[in-house]
Amino acid sequence: MGACDALKTALLAAATTCFVQTTAFGQGAAPPDREAYTLFNPTPRALWRPLSADRPDITESPQTVDAGAVQLETSFFEYAHDSINDDAATSNSLSLALSTLKLGLTHDMDLQFVFAPFVRAETRADTTGVTDVQDGPSDLTVRLKWNLWGNDEGKTALGLLPFVKIPTGSSVSNDRVEGGVAVPFSWDIREGLSLGLMGELDILFDESSGKHDLAFLHTVVVGADVYGPIGAYVEYAGRVHFDGDRDYEAVASVGLTYQINENAVLDAGTFIGLTRPTDDVVVFSGITLRF
């Protein structure tokens, strides 16, 4: 083989390799050496995964933020109303800018901070007309999400999400450390239709007993593309308290999302209380931004 033929063969082999790698990436395969990216060696923006947010539903996503990326998921507002003791009293609460700030640590792990700078809780006793008002910043929740599988490919994904709530000492805080661990699962049933499931073990402080008790939160959500950038979901969430002192809590949720671009999604929705211990209705709207 002459030098010219050898050069042609080498160029053809290189072009074929490039085509195979490009085709594989275009079909959703994990890009080469993705695991090498970290907070200090960020994933190039061109290789970022599709945007995946934990809001607006209760069910968390098993996917993590790409290494070195920052994602902000925040509510413009979240308003809740509840009738207490057969309408003898009512409570209303409003939180502004309740936000989850995420920082990608590795290709399968991110660190999260959940905080609201302003929360107002108002309880009115209709029989006496007395209104109790408390306001201030929320407690700070720190979370660590670890994707076990499905971050980059496949129809299913599973994650592990331990968290701890740290009291801030404000008037809306119960001044107790609480925590737990969630296990979110997702399944892409087909194009434009997905199912999410989550089990979460909580360690919560019980004011009536004066001690921490265990509770189990369980959720199921179905999400679907509606038209173009518009999506919708319907969700059920319930919580059972193992100590038996508190009643079962259950809510239903529906909402819409609007994808502005690949790094921004608007949302709005509502929670409807199905049992007495939950708020009668919660309405909210927010946005997810990735940087």
C-alpha atoms as a PDB file:
ATOM      1  CA  MET A   1       0.000   0.000   0.000  1.00  0.00           C
ATOM      2  CA  GLY A   2       1.372   3.413  -0.979  1.00  0.00           C
ATOM      3  CA  ALA A   3       1.629   6.404   1.330  1.00  0.00           C
ATOM      4  CA  CYS A   4      -1.356   8.048  -0.424  1.00  0.00           C
ATOM      5  CA  ASP A   5      -3.535   4.949   0.055  1.00  0.00           C
ATOM      6  CA  ALA A   6      -2.527   4.672   3.717  1.00  0.00           C
ATOM      7  CA  LEU A   7      -3.447   8.317   4.286  1.00  0.00           C
ATOM      8  CA  LYS A   8      -6.854   7.795   2.648  1.00  0.00           C
ATOM      9  CA  THR A   9      -7.479   4.724   4.822  1.00  0.00           C
ATOM     10  CA  ALA A  10      -6.568   6.596   8.020  1.00  0.00           C
ATOM     11  CA  LEU A  11      -8.820   9.549   7.116  1.00  0.00           C
ATOM     12  CA  LEU A  12     -11.706   7.206   6.296  1.00  0.00           C
ATOM     13  CA  ALA A  13     -11.334   5.391   9.636  1.00  0.00           C
ATOM     14  CA  ALA A  14     -11.251   8.668  11.542  1.00  0.00           C
ATOM     15  CA  ALA A  15     -14.345   9.943   9.761  1.00  0.00           C
ATOM     16  CA  THR A  16     -16.195   6.690  10.441  1.00  0.00           C
ATOM     17  CA  THR A  17     -15.323   6.820  14.158  1.00  0.00           C
ATOM     18  CA  CYS A  18     -16.447  10.428  14.376  1.00  0.00           C
ATOM     19  CA  PHE A  19     -19.751   9.598  12.642  1.00  0.00           C
ATOM     20  CA  VAL A  20     -20.457   6.644  14.969  1.00  0.00           C
ATOM     21  CA  GLN A  21     -19.735   8.701  18.101  1.00  0.00           C
ATOM     22  CA  THR A  22     -21.815  11.645  16.882  1.00  0.00           C
ATOM     23  CA  THR A  23     -24.725   9.376  15.956  1.00  0.00           C
ATOM     24  CA  ALA A  24     -24.630   7.639  19.342  1.00  0.00           C
ATOM     25  CA  PHE A  25     -24.643  10.966  21.188  1.00  0.00           C
ATOM     26  CA  GLY A  26     -27.511  12.225  19.060  1.00  0.00           C
ATOM     27  CA  GLN A  27     -29.525   9.130  20.005  1.00  0.00           C
ATOM     28  CA  GLY A  28     -29.153   9.872  23.710  1.00  0.00           C
ATOM     29  CA  ALA A  29     -26.148   7.739  24.692  1.00  0.00           C
ATOM     30  CA  ALA A  30     -23.990   9.098  27.491  1.00  0.00           C
ATOM     31  CA  PRO A  31     -21.185  11.299  26.127  1.00  0.00           C
ATOM     32  CA  PRO A  32     -17.633   9.977  26.546  1.00  0.00           C
ATOM     33  CA  ASP A  33     -15.969  10.521  29.930  1.00  0.00           C
ATOM     34  CA  ARG A  34     -19.058  12.146  31.525  1.00  0.00           C
ATOM     35  CA  GLU A  35     -18.015  10.680  34.873  1.00  0.00           C
ATOM     36  CA  ALA A  36     -14.845  12.761  34.729  1.00  0.00           C
ATOM     37  CA  TYR A  37     -16.807  16.005  35.212  1.00  0.00           C
ATOM     38  CA  THR A  38     -17.075  17.507  38.708  1.00  0.00           C
ATOM     39  CA  LEU A  39     -17.929  20.777  40.405  1.00  0.00           C
ATOM     40  CA  PHE A  40     -14.372  21.956  39.678  1.00  0.00           C
ATOM     41  CA  ASN A  41     -14.324  20.498  36.162  1.00  0.00           C
ATOM     42  CA  PRO A  42     -17.857  21.439  34.996  1.00  0.00           C
ATOM     43  CA  THR A  43     -19.814  19.558  32.370  1.00  0.00           C
ATOM     44  CA  PRO A  44     -19.775  21.566  29.094  1.00  0.00           C
ATOM     45  CA  ARG A  45     -23.154  23.184  28.447  1.00  0.00           C
ATOM     46  CA  ALA A  46     -23.407  21.346  25.119  1.00  0.00           C
ATOM     47  CA  LEU A  47     -23.469  18.053  27.056  1.00  0.00           C
ATOM     48  CA  TRP A  48     -26.070  19.032  29.670  1.00  0.00           C
ATOM     49  CA  ARG A  49     -28.952  16.622  30.145  1.00  0.00           C
ATOM     50  CA  PRO A  50     -32.547  17.738  29.487  1.00  0.00           C
ATOM     51  CA  LEU A  51     -33.832  19.981  32.287  1.00  0.00           C
ATOM     52  CA  SER A  52     -35.376  18.001  35.182  1.00  0.00           C
ATOM     53  CA  ALA A  53     -36.954  19.781  38.169  1.00  0.00           C
ATOM     54  CA  ASP A  54     -38.279  18.641  41.555  1.00  0.00           C
ATOM     55  CA  ARG A  55     -41.106  21.190  41.395  1.00  0.00           C
ATOM     56  CA  PRO A  56     -43.980  21.765  40.990  1.00  0.00           C
ATOM     57  CA  ASP A  57     -45.298  18.426  42.296  1.00  0.00           C
ATOM     58  CA  ILE A  58     -44.459  16.750  45.601  1.00  0.00           C
ATOM     59  CA  THR A  59     -42.794  13.765  43.913  1.00  0.00           C
ATOM     60  CA  GLU A  60     -39.081  14.444  43.515  1.00  0.00           C
ATOM     61  CA  SER A  61     -37.137  13.721  40.334  1.00  0.00           C
ATOM     62  CA  PRO A  62     -34.429  11.022  40.485  1.00  0.00           C
ATOM     63  CA  GLN A  63     -32.256  12.983  38.017  1.00  0.00           C
ATOM     64  CA  THR A  64     -29.503  15.286  39.260  1.00  0.00           C
ATOM     65  CA  VAL A  65     -28.076  18.568  38.009  1.00  0.00           C
ATOM     66  CA  ASP A  66     -25.029  18.264  35.749  1.00  0.00           C
ATOM     67  CA  ALA A  67     -21.662  18.700  37.448  1.00  0.00           C
ATOM     68  CA  GLY A  68     -20.842  22.386  37.872  1.00  0.00           C
ATOM     69  CA  ALA A  69     -24.320  23.574  36.838  1.00  0.00           C
ATOM     70  CA  VAL A  70     -26.590  25.660  39.092  1.00  0.00           C
ATOM     71  CA  GLN A  71     -30.370  25.246  39.085  1.00  0.00           C
ATOM     72  CA  LEU A  72     -32.883  27.491  40.868  1.00  0.00           C
ATOM     73  CA  GLU A  73     -36.427  26.250  41.440  1.00  0.00           C
ATOM     74  CA  THR A  74     -38.553  28.939  43.068  1.00  0.00           C
ATOM     75  CA  SER A  75     -42.174  29.821  43.765  1.00  0.00           C
ATOM     76  CA  PHE A  76     -43.383  33.315  43.014  1.00  0.00           C
ATOM     77  CA  PHE A  77     -45.949  32.669  45.754  1.00  0.00           C
ATOM     78  CA  GLU A  78     -47.594  29.785  47.598  1.00  0.00           C
ATOM     79  CA  TYR A  79     -50.904  30.478  49.361  1.00  0.00           C
ATOM     80  CA  ALA A  80     -52.740  27.998  51.610  1.00  0.00           C
ATOM     81  CA  HIS A  81     -56.177  28.146  53.252  1.00  0.00           C
ATOM     82  CA  ASP A  82     -57.626  25.755  55.814  1.00  0.00           C
ATOM     83  CA  SER A  83     -60.821  25.554  57.869  1.00  0.00           C
ATOM     84  CA  ILE A  84     -60.210  24.278  61.380  1.00  0.00           C
ATOM     85  CA  ASN A  85     -62.670  22.604  63.781  1.00  0.00           C
ATOM     86  CA  ASP A  86     -65.627  22.591  61.408  1.00  0.00           C
ATOM     87  CA  ASP A  87     -65.165  26.218  60.348  1.00  0.00           C
ATOM     88  CA  ALA A  88     -64.865  27.498  63.936  1.00  0.00           C
ATOM     89  CA  ALA A  89     -61.423  28.782  62.975  1.00  0.00           C
ATOM     90  CA  THR A  90     -59.462  29.362  59.805  1.00  0.00           C
ATOM     91  CA  SER A  91     -55.801  29.550  58.897  1.00  0.00           C
ATOM     92  CA  ASN A  92     -54.097  31.208  55.967  1.00  0.00           C
ATOM     93  CA  SER A  93     -50.448  31.142  55.041  1.00  0.00           C
ATOM     94  CA  LEU A  94     -48.379  32.801  52.353  1.00  0.00           C
ATOM     95  CA  SER A  95     -44.791  32.070  51.381  1.00  0.00           C
ATOM     96  CA  LEU A  96     -42.814  34.119  48.887  1.00  0.00           C
ATOM     97  CA  ALA A  97     -39.826  32.906  46.894  1.00  0.00           C
ATOM     98  CA  LEU A  98     -39.755  29.437  48.459  1.00  0.00           C
ATOM     99  CA  SER A  99     -36.682  28.199  46.605  1.00  0.00           C
ATOM    100  CA  THR A 100     -34.533  25.151  46.040  1.00  0.00           C
ATOM    101  CA  LEU A 101     -30.992  26.004  44.954  1.00  0.00           C
ATOM    102  CA  LYS A 102     -29.105  23.081  43.423  1.00  0.00           C
ATOM    103  CA  LEU A 103     -25.401  22.709  42.714  1.00  0.00           C
ATOM    104  CA  GLY A 104     -24.069  19.812  40.625  1.00  0.00           C
ATOM    105  CA  LEU A 105     -21.205  18.082  42.461  1.00  0.00           C
ATOM    106  CA  THR A 106     -20.533  15.110  40.171  1.00  0.00           C
ATOM    107  CA  HIS A 107     -22.200  13.460  37.188  1.00  0.00           C
ATOM    108  CA  ASP A 108     -24.665  11.712  39.537  1.00  0.00           C
ATOM    109  CA  MET A 109     -24.843  13.861  42.689  1.00  0.00           C
ATOM    110  CA  ASP A 110     -26.010  17.370  43.584  1.00  0.00           C
ATOM    111  CA  LEU A 111     -26.292  19.479  46.745  1.00  0.00           C
ATOM    112  CA  GLN A 112     -29.523  21.370  47.470  1.00  0.00           C
ATOM    113  CA  PHE A 113     -30.655  24.171  49.786  1.00  0.00           C
ATOM    114  CA  VAL A 114     -34.364  24.837  50.399  1.00  0.00           C
ATOM    115  CA  PHE A 115     -35.393  28.161  51.963  1.00  0.00           C
ATOM    116  CA  ALA A 116     -38.123  30.811  51.882  1.00  0.00           C
ATOM    117  CA  PRO A 117     -37.131  34.385  52.850  1.00  0.00           C
ATOM    118  CA  PHE A 118     -40.690  35.248  53.903  1.00  0.00           C
ATOM    119  CA  VAL A 119     -43.520  33.148  55.354  1.00  0.00           C
ATOM    120  CA  ARG A 120     -46.683  34.558  56.959  1.00  0.00           C
ATOM    121  CA  ALA A 121     -49.036  32.306  58.949  1.00  0.00           C
ATOM    122  CA  GLU A 122     -52.351  33.660  60.201  1.00  0.00           C
ATOM    123  CA  THR A 123     -54.888  31.796  62.367  1.00  0.00           C
ATOM    124  CA  ARG A 124     -58.258  33.344  63.173  1.00  0.00           C
ATOM    125  CA  ALA A 125     -60.607  32.044  65.875  1.00  0.00           C
ATOM    126  CA  ASP A 126     -64.019  32.988  64.492  1.00  0.00           C
ATOM    127  CA  THR A 127     -65.772  32.592  67.849  1.00  0.00           C
ATOM    128  CA  THR A 128     -63.596  35.246  69.521  1.00  0.00           C
ATOM    129  CA  GLY A 129     -62.342  37.192  66.534  1.00  0.00           C
ATOM    130  CA  VAL A 130     -58.780  36.842  67.796  1.00  0.00           C
ATOM    131  CA  THR A 131     -56.154  36.528  65.085  1.00  0.00           C
ATOM    132  CA  ASP A 132     -52.695  35.096  65.679  1.00  0.00           C
ATOM    133  CA  VAL A 133     -50.070  36.194  63.135  1.00  0.00           C
ATOM    134  CA  GLN A 134     -46.530  34.919  62.749  1.00  0.00           C
ATOM    135  CA  ASP A 135     -44.089  35.798  59.994  1.00  0.00           C
ATOM    136  CA  GLY A 136     -40.427  35.516  59.134  1.00  0.00           C
ATOM    137  CA  PRO A 137     -38.020  33.349  57.140  1.00  0.00           C
ATOM    138  CA  SER A 138     -38.521  29.605  56.922  1.00  0.00           C
ATOM    139  CA  ASP A 139     -36.200  26.939  58.269  1.00  0.00           C
ATOM    140  CA  LEU A 140     -33.299  25.844  56.059  1.00  0.00           C
ATOM    141  CA  THR A 141     -33.376  22.358  54.554  1.00  0.00           C
ATOM    142  CA  VAL A 142     -30.154  20.840  53.187  1.00  0.00           C
ATOM    143  CA  ARG A 143     -30.484  17.899  50.777  1.00  0.00           C
ATOM    144  CA  LEU A 144     -28.112  15.629  48.875  1.00  0.00           C
ATOM    145  CA  LYS A 145     -29.437  13.814  45.808  1.00  0.00           C
ATOM    146  CA  TRP A 146     -27.678  10.737  44.444  1.00  0.00           C
ATOM    147  CA  ASN A 147     -28.852   9.203  41.170  1.00  0.00           C
ATOM    148  CA  LEU A 148     -28.518   5.409  41.316  1.00  0.00           C
ATOM    149  CA  TRP A 149     -29.402   4.827  37.666  1.00  0.00           C
ATOM    150  CA  GLY A 150     -31.089   6.478  34.686  1.00  0.00           C
ATOM    151  CA  ASN A 151     -29.436   9.882  34.767  1.00  0.00           C
ATOM    152  CA  ASP A 152     -28.313   9.699  31.138  1.00  0.00           C
ATOM    153  CA  GLU A 153     -30.169   6.873  29.436  1.00  0.00           C
ATOM    154  CA  GLY A 154     -32.902   4.285  29.822  1.00  0.00           C
ATOM    155  CA  LYS A 155     -36.626   4.527  30.472  1.00  0.00           C
ATOM    156  CA  THR A 156     -36.376   4.280  34.264  1.00  0.00           C
ATOM    157  CA  ALA A 157     -34.428   6.190  36.901  1.00  0.00           C
ATOM    158  CA  LEU A 158     -33.947   5.832  40.661  1.00  0.00           C
ATOM    159  CA  GLY A 159     -32.537   8.279  43.191  1.00  0.00           C
ATOM    160  CA  LEU A 160     -31.701   8.594  46.884  1.00  0.00           C
ATOM    161  CA  LEU A 161     -32.375  11.899  48.651  1.00  0.00           C
ATOM    162  CA  PRO A 162     -31.430  12.302  52.339  1.00  0.00           C
ATOM    163  CA  PHE A 163     -32.200  15.689  53.918  1.00  0.00           C
ATOM    164  CA  VAL A 164     -32.124  17.592  57.203  1.00  0.00           C
ATOM    165  CA  LYS A 165     -34.111  20.672  58.292  1.00  0.00           C
ATOM    166  CA  ILE A 166     -32.177  23.210  60.346  1.00  0.00           C
ATOM    167  CA  PRO A 167     -34.162  25.690  62.488  1.00  0.00           C
ATOM    168  CA  THR A 168     -33.595  29.381  61.816  1.00  0.00           C
ATOM    169  CA  GLY A 169     -35.208  30.561  65.050  1.00  0.00           C
ATOM    170  CA  SER A 170     -37.902  32.622  63.323  1.00  0.00           C
ATOM    171  CA  SER A 171     -41.478  32.816  64.614  1.00  0.00           C
ATOM    172  CA  VAL A 172     -42.702  30.402  61.902  1.00  0.00           C
ATOM    173  CA  SER A 173     -40.155  27.749  62.915  1.00  0.00           C
ATOM    174  CA  ASN A 174     -40.881  24.913  65.349  1.00  0.00           C
ATOM    175  CA  ASP A 175     -37.236  25.216  66.485  1.00  0.00           C
ATOM    176  CA  ARG A 176     -36.648  21.511  65.972  1.00  0.00           C
ATOM    177  CA  VAL A 177     -34.201  19.621  63.781  1.00  0.00           C
ATOM    178  CA  GLU A 178     -36.084  17.248  61.471  1.00  0.00           C
ATOM    179  CA  GLY A 179     -35.018  15.084  58.563  1.00  0.00           C
ATOM    180  CA  GLY A 180     -35.526  12.000  56.502  1.00  0.00           C
ATOM    181  CA  VAL A 181     -34.723  10.228  53.256  1.00  0.00           C
ATOM    182  CA  ALA A 182     -36.691  10.001  50.005  1.00  0.00           C
ATOM    183  CA  VAL A 183     -36.434   7.403  47.232  1.00  0.00           C
ATOM    184  CA  PRO A 184     -37.834   8.800  43.946  1.00  0.00           C
ATOM    185  CA  PHE A 185     -38.462   6.627  40.873  1.00  0.00           C
ATOM    186  CA  SER A 186     -39.472   7.639  37.346  1.00  0.00           C
ATOM    187  CA  TRP A 187     -40.573   5.713  34.273  1.00  0.00           C
ATOM    188  CA  ASP A 188     -40.892   7.118  30.755  1.00  0.00           C
ATOM    189  CA  ILE A 189     -43.858   5.024  29.648  1.00  0.00           C
ATOM    190  CA  ARG A 190     -43.737   6.387  26.112  1.00  0.00           C
ATOM    191  CA  GLU A 191     -42.960   9.628  24.325  1.00  0.00           C
ATOM    192  CA  GLY A 192     -44.695  12.443  26.208  1.00  0.00           C
ATOM    193  CA  LEU A 193     -46.045  10.282  29.064  1.00  0.00           C
ATOM    194  CA  SER A 194     -44.279   9.525  32.346  1.00  0.00           C
ATOM    195  CA  LEU A 195     -44.947   8.029  35.760  1.00  0.00           C
ATOM    196  CA  GLY A 196     -43.295   9.021  39.025  1.00  0.00           C
ATOM    197  CA  LEU A 197     -43.341   7.224  42.383  1.00  0.00           C
ATOM    198  CA  MET A 198     -41.733   8.172  45.679  1.00  0.00           C
ATOM    199  CA  GLY A 199     -41.442   6.765  49.175  1.00  0.00           C
ATOM    200  CA  GLU A 200     -40.079   8.994  51.938  1.00  0.00           C
ATOM    201  CA  LEU A 201     -39.319   8.243  55.581  1.00  0.00           C
ATOM    202  CA  ASP A 202     -39.615  11.370  57.754  1.00  0.00           C
ATOM    203  CA  ILE A 203     -38.468  12.108  61.299  1.00  0.00           C
ATOM    204  CA  LEU A 204     -40.873  14.829  62.475  1.00  0.00           C
ATOM    205  CA  PHE A 205     -41.361  16.556  65.812  1.00  0.00           C
ATOM    206  CA  ASP A 206     -44.796  15.991  67.359  1.00  0.00           C
ATOM    207  CA  GLU A 207     -45.903  18.999  69.423  1.00  0.00           C
ATOM    208  CA  SER A 208     -48.521  16.956  71.300  1.00  0.00           C
ATOM    209  CA  SER A 209     -46.087  14.274  72.507  1.00  0.00           C
ATOM    210  CA  GLY A 210     -43.019  16.514  72.726  1.00  0.00           C
ATOM    211  CA  LYS A 211     -40.822  14.045  70.865  1.00  0.00           C
ATOM    212  CA  HIS A 212     -39.791  13.028  67.362  1.00  0.00           C
ATOM    213  CA  ASP A 213     -41.874  10.433  65.539  1.00  0.00           C
ATOM    214  CA  LEU A 214     -41.630   8.550  62.255  1.00  0.00           C
ATOM    215  CA  ALA A 215     -43.902   9.160  59.278  1.00  0.00           C
ATOM    216  CA  PHE A 216     -44.044   7.706  55.777  1.00  0.00           C
ATOM    217  CA  LEU A 217     -44.859   9.845  52.738  1.00  0.00           C
ATOM    218  CA  HIS A 218     -45.917   8.076  49.538  1.00  0.00           C
ATOM    219  CA  THR A 219     -46.722   9.689  46.188  1.00  0.00           C
ATOM    220  CA  VAL A 220     -47.667   8.844  42.616  1.00  0.00           C
ATOM    221  CA  VAL A 221     -47.738  11.309  39.725  1.00  0.00           C
ATOM    222  CA  VAL A 222     -48.538  11.053  36.027  1.00  0.00           C
ATOM    223  CA  GLY A 223     -47.178  13.708  33.687  1.00  0.00           C
ATOM    224  CA  ALA A 224     -47.963  14.251  30.018  1.00  0.00           C
ATOM    225  CA  ASP A 225     -47.129  16.611  27.192  1.00  0.00           C
ATOM    226  CA  VAL A 226     -50.291  18.496  26.230  1.00  0.00           C
ATOM    227  CA  TYR A 227     -49.431  20.727  23.305  1.00  0.00           C
ATOM    228  CA  GLY A 228     -46.060  22.053  22.191  1.00  0.00           C
ATOM    229  CA  PRO A 229     -44.203  23.403  25.266  1.00  0.00           C
ATOM    230  CA  ILE A 230     -47.210  22.870  27.576  1.00  0.00           C
ATOM    231  CA  GLY A 231     -47.292  19.916  29.974  1.00  0.00           C
ATOM    232  CA  ALA A 232     -49.663  18.782  32.717  1.00  0.00           C
ATOM    233  CA  TYR A 233     -49.631  16.454  35.702  1.00  0.00           C
ATOM    234  CA  VAL A 234     -51.961  14.903  38.266  1.00  0.00           C
ATOM    235  CA  GLU A 235     -50.682  13.601  41.601  1.00  0.00           C
ATOM    236  CA  TYR A 236     -51.729  11.878  44.802  1.00  0.00           C
ATOM    237  CA  ALA A 237     -49.700  12.128  48.015  1.00  0.00           C
ATOM    238  CA  GLY A 238     -50.356  10.631  51.440  1.00  0.00           C
ATOM    239  CA  ARG A 239     -48.567  10.514  54.771  1.00  0.00           C
ATOM    240  CA  VAL A 240     -49.085   8.027  57.599  1.00  0.00           C
ATOM    241  CA  HIS A 241     -47.738   8.644  61.114  1.00  0.00           C
ATOM    242  CA  PHE A 242     -46.443   5.538  62.841  1.00  0.00           C
ATOM    243  CA  ASP A 243     -47.181   6.761  66.372  1.00  0.00           C
ATOM    244  CA  GLY A 244     -50.928   6.707  65.654  1.00  0.00           C
ATOM    245  CA  ASP A 245     -51.512  10.053  67.376  1.00  0.00           C
ATOM    246  CA  ARG A 246     -52.143  11.912  64.122  1.00  0.00           C
ATOM    247  CA  ASP A 247     -54.610  11.137  61.362  1.00  0.00           C
ATOM    248  CA  TYR A 248     -53.707  10.106  57.825  1.00  0.00           C
ATOM    249  CA  GLU A 249     -52.913  13.040  55.540  1.00  0.00           C
ATOM    250  CA  ALA A 250     -53.793  12.989  51.835  1.00  0.00           C
ATOM    251  CA  VAL A 251     -53.787  15.564  49.041  1.00  0.00           C
ATOM    252  CA  ALA A 252     -54.448  15.602  45.308  1.00  0.00           C
ATOM    253  CA  SER A 253     -52.540  17.949  43.024  1.00  0.00           C
ATOM    254  CA  VAL A 254     -52.911  19.132  39.447  1.00  0.00           C
ATOM    255  CA  GLY A 255     -50.794  21.617  37.531  1.00  0.00           C
ATOM    256  CA  LEU A 256     -49.411  22.898  34.257  1.00  0.00           C
ATOM    257  CA  THR A 257     -45.881  23.598  33.033  1.00  0.00           C
ATOM    258  CA  TYR A 258     -44.666  25.765  30.179  1.00  0.00           C
ATOM    259  CA  GLN A 259     -41.136  25.241  28.830  1.00  0.00           C
ATOM    260  CA  ILE A 260     -39.740  28.640  27.822  1.00  0.00           C
ATOM    261  CA  ASN A 261     -36.497  27.140  26.556  1.00  0.00           C
ATOM    262  CA  GLU A 262     -34.135  24.280  27.405  1.00  0.00           C
ATOM    263  CA  ASN A 263     -33.088  26.016  30.635  1.00  0.00           C
ATOM    264  CA  ALA A 264     -36.331  27.625  31.880  1.00  0.00           C
ATOM    265  CA  VAL A 265     -39.783  26.258  32.786  1.00  0.00           C
ATOM    266  CA  LEU A 266     -42.815  28.081  34.242  1.00  0.00           C
ATOM    267  CA  ASP A 267     -45.388  26.249  36.368  1.00  0.00           C
ATOM    268  CA  ALA A 268     -48.677  26.752  38.211  1.00  0.00           C
ATOM    269  CA  GLY A 269     -50.922  24.409  40.121  1.00  0.00           C
ATOM    270  CA  THR A 270     -52.973  23.582  43.181  1.00  0.00           C
ATOM    271  CA  PHE A 271     -53.142  21.081  46.031  1.00  0.00           C
ATOM    272  CA  ILE A 272     -56.548  19.973  47.304  1.00  0.00           C
ATOM    273  CA  GLY A 273     -56.774  18.518  50.798  1.00  0.00           C
ATOM    274  CA  LEU A 274     -58.537  15.147  50.929  1.00  0.00           C
ATOM    275  CA  THR A 275     -58.383  14.641  54.710  1.00  0.00           C
ATOM    276  CA  ARG A 276     -58.948  16.933  57.690  1.00  0.00           C
ATOM    277  CA  PRO A 277     -55.286  17.367  58.802  1.00  0.00           C
ATOM    278  CA  THR A 278     -54.305  18.917  55.426  1.00  0.00           C
ATOM    279  CA  ASP A 279     -54.924  22.417  54.098  1.00  0.00           C
ATOM    280  CA  ASP A 280     -58.206  22.721  52.207  1.00  0.00           C
ATOM    281  CA  VAL A 281     -56.521  24.306  49.193  1.00  0.00           C
ATOM    282  CA  VAL A 282     -53.060  25.507  48.164  1.00  0.00           C
ATOM    283  CA  VAL A 283     -52.347  27.524  45.014  1.00  0.00           C
ATOM    284  CA  PHE A 284     -48.902  28.342  43.668  1.00  0.00           C
ATOM    285  CA  SER A 285     -46.871  29.459  40.695  1.00  0.00           C
ATOM    286  CA  GLY A 286     -43.144  29.383  40.065  1.00  0.00           C
ATOM    287  CA  ILE A 287     -40.232  28.940  37.699  1.00  0.00           C
ATOM    288  CA  THR A 288     -37.174  26.717  37.233  1.00  0.00           C
ATOM    289  CA  LEU A 289     -33.967  28.233  35.820  1.00  0.00           C
ATOM    290  CA  ARG A 290     -30.681  26.508  35.023  1.00  0.00           C
ATOM    291  CA  PHE A 291     -27.348  28.327  34.729  1.00  0.00           C
END
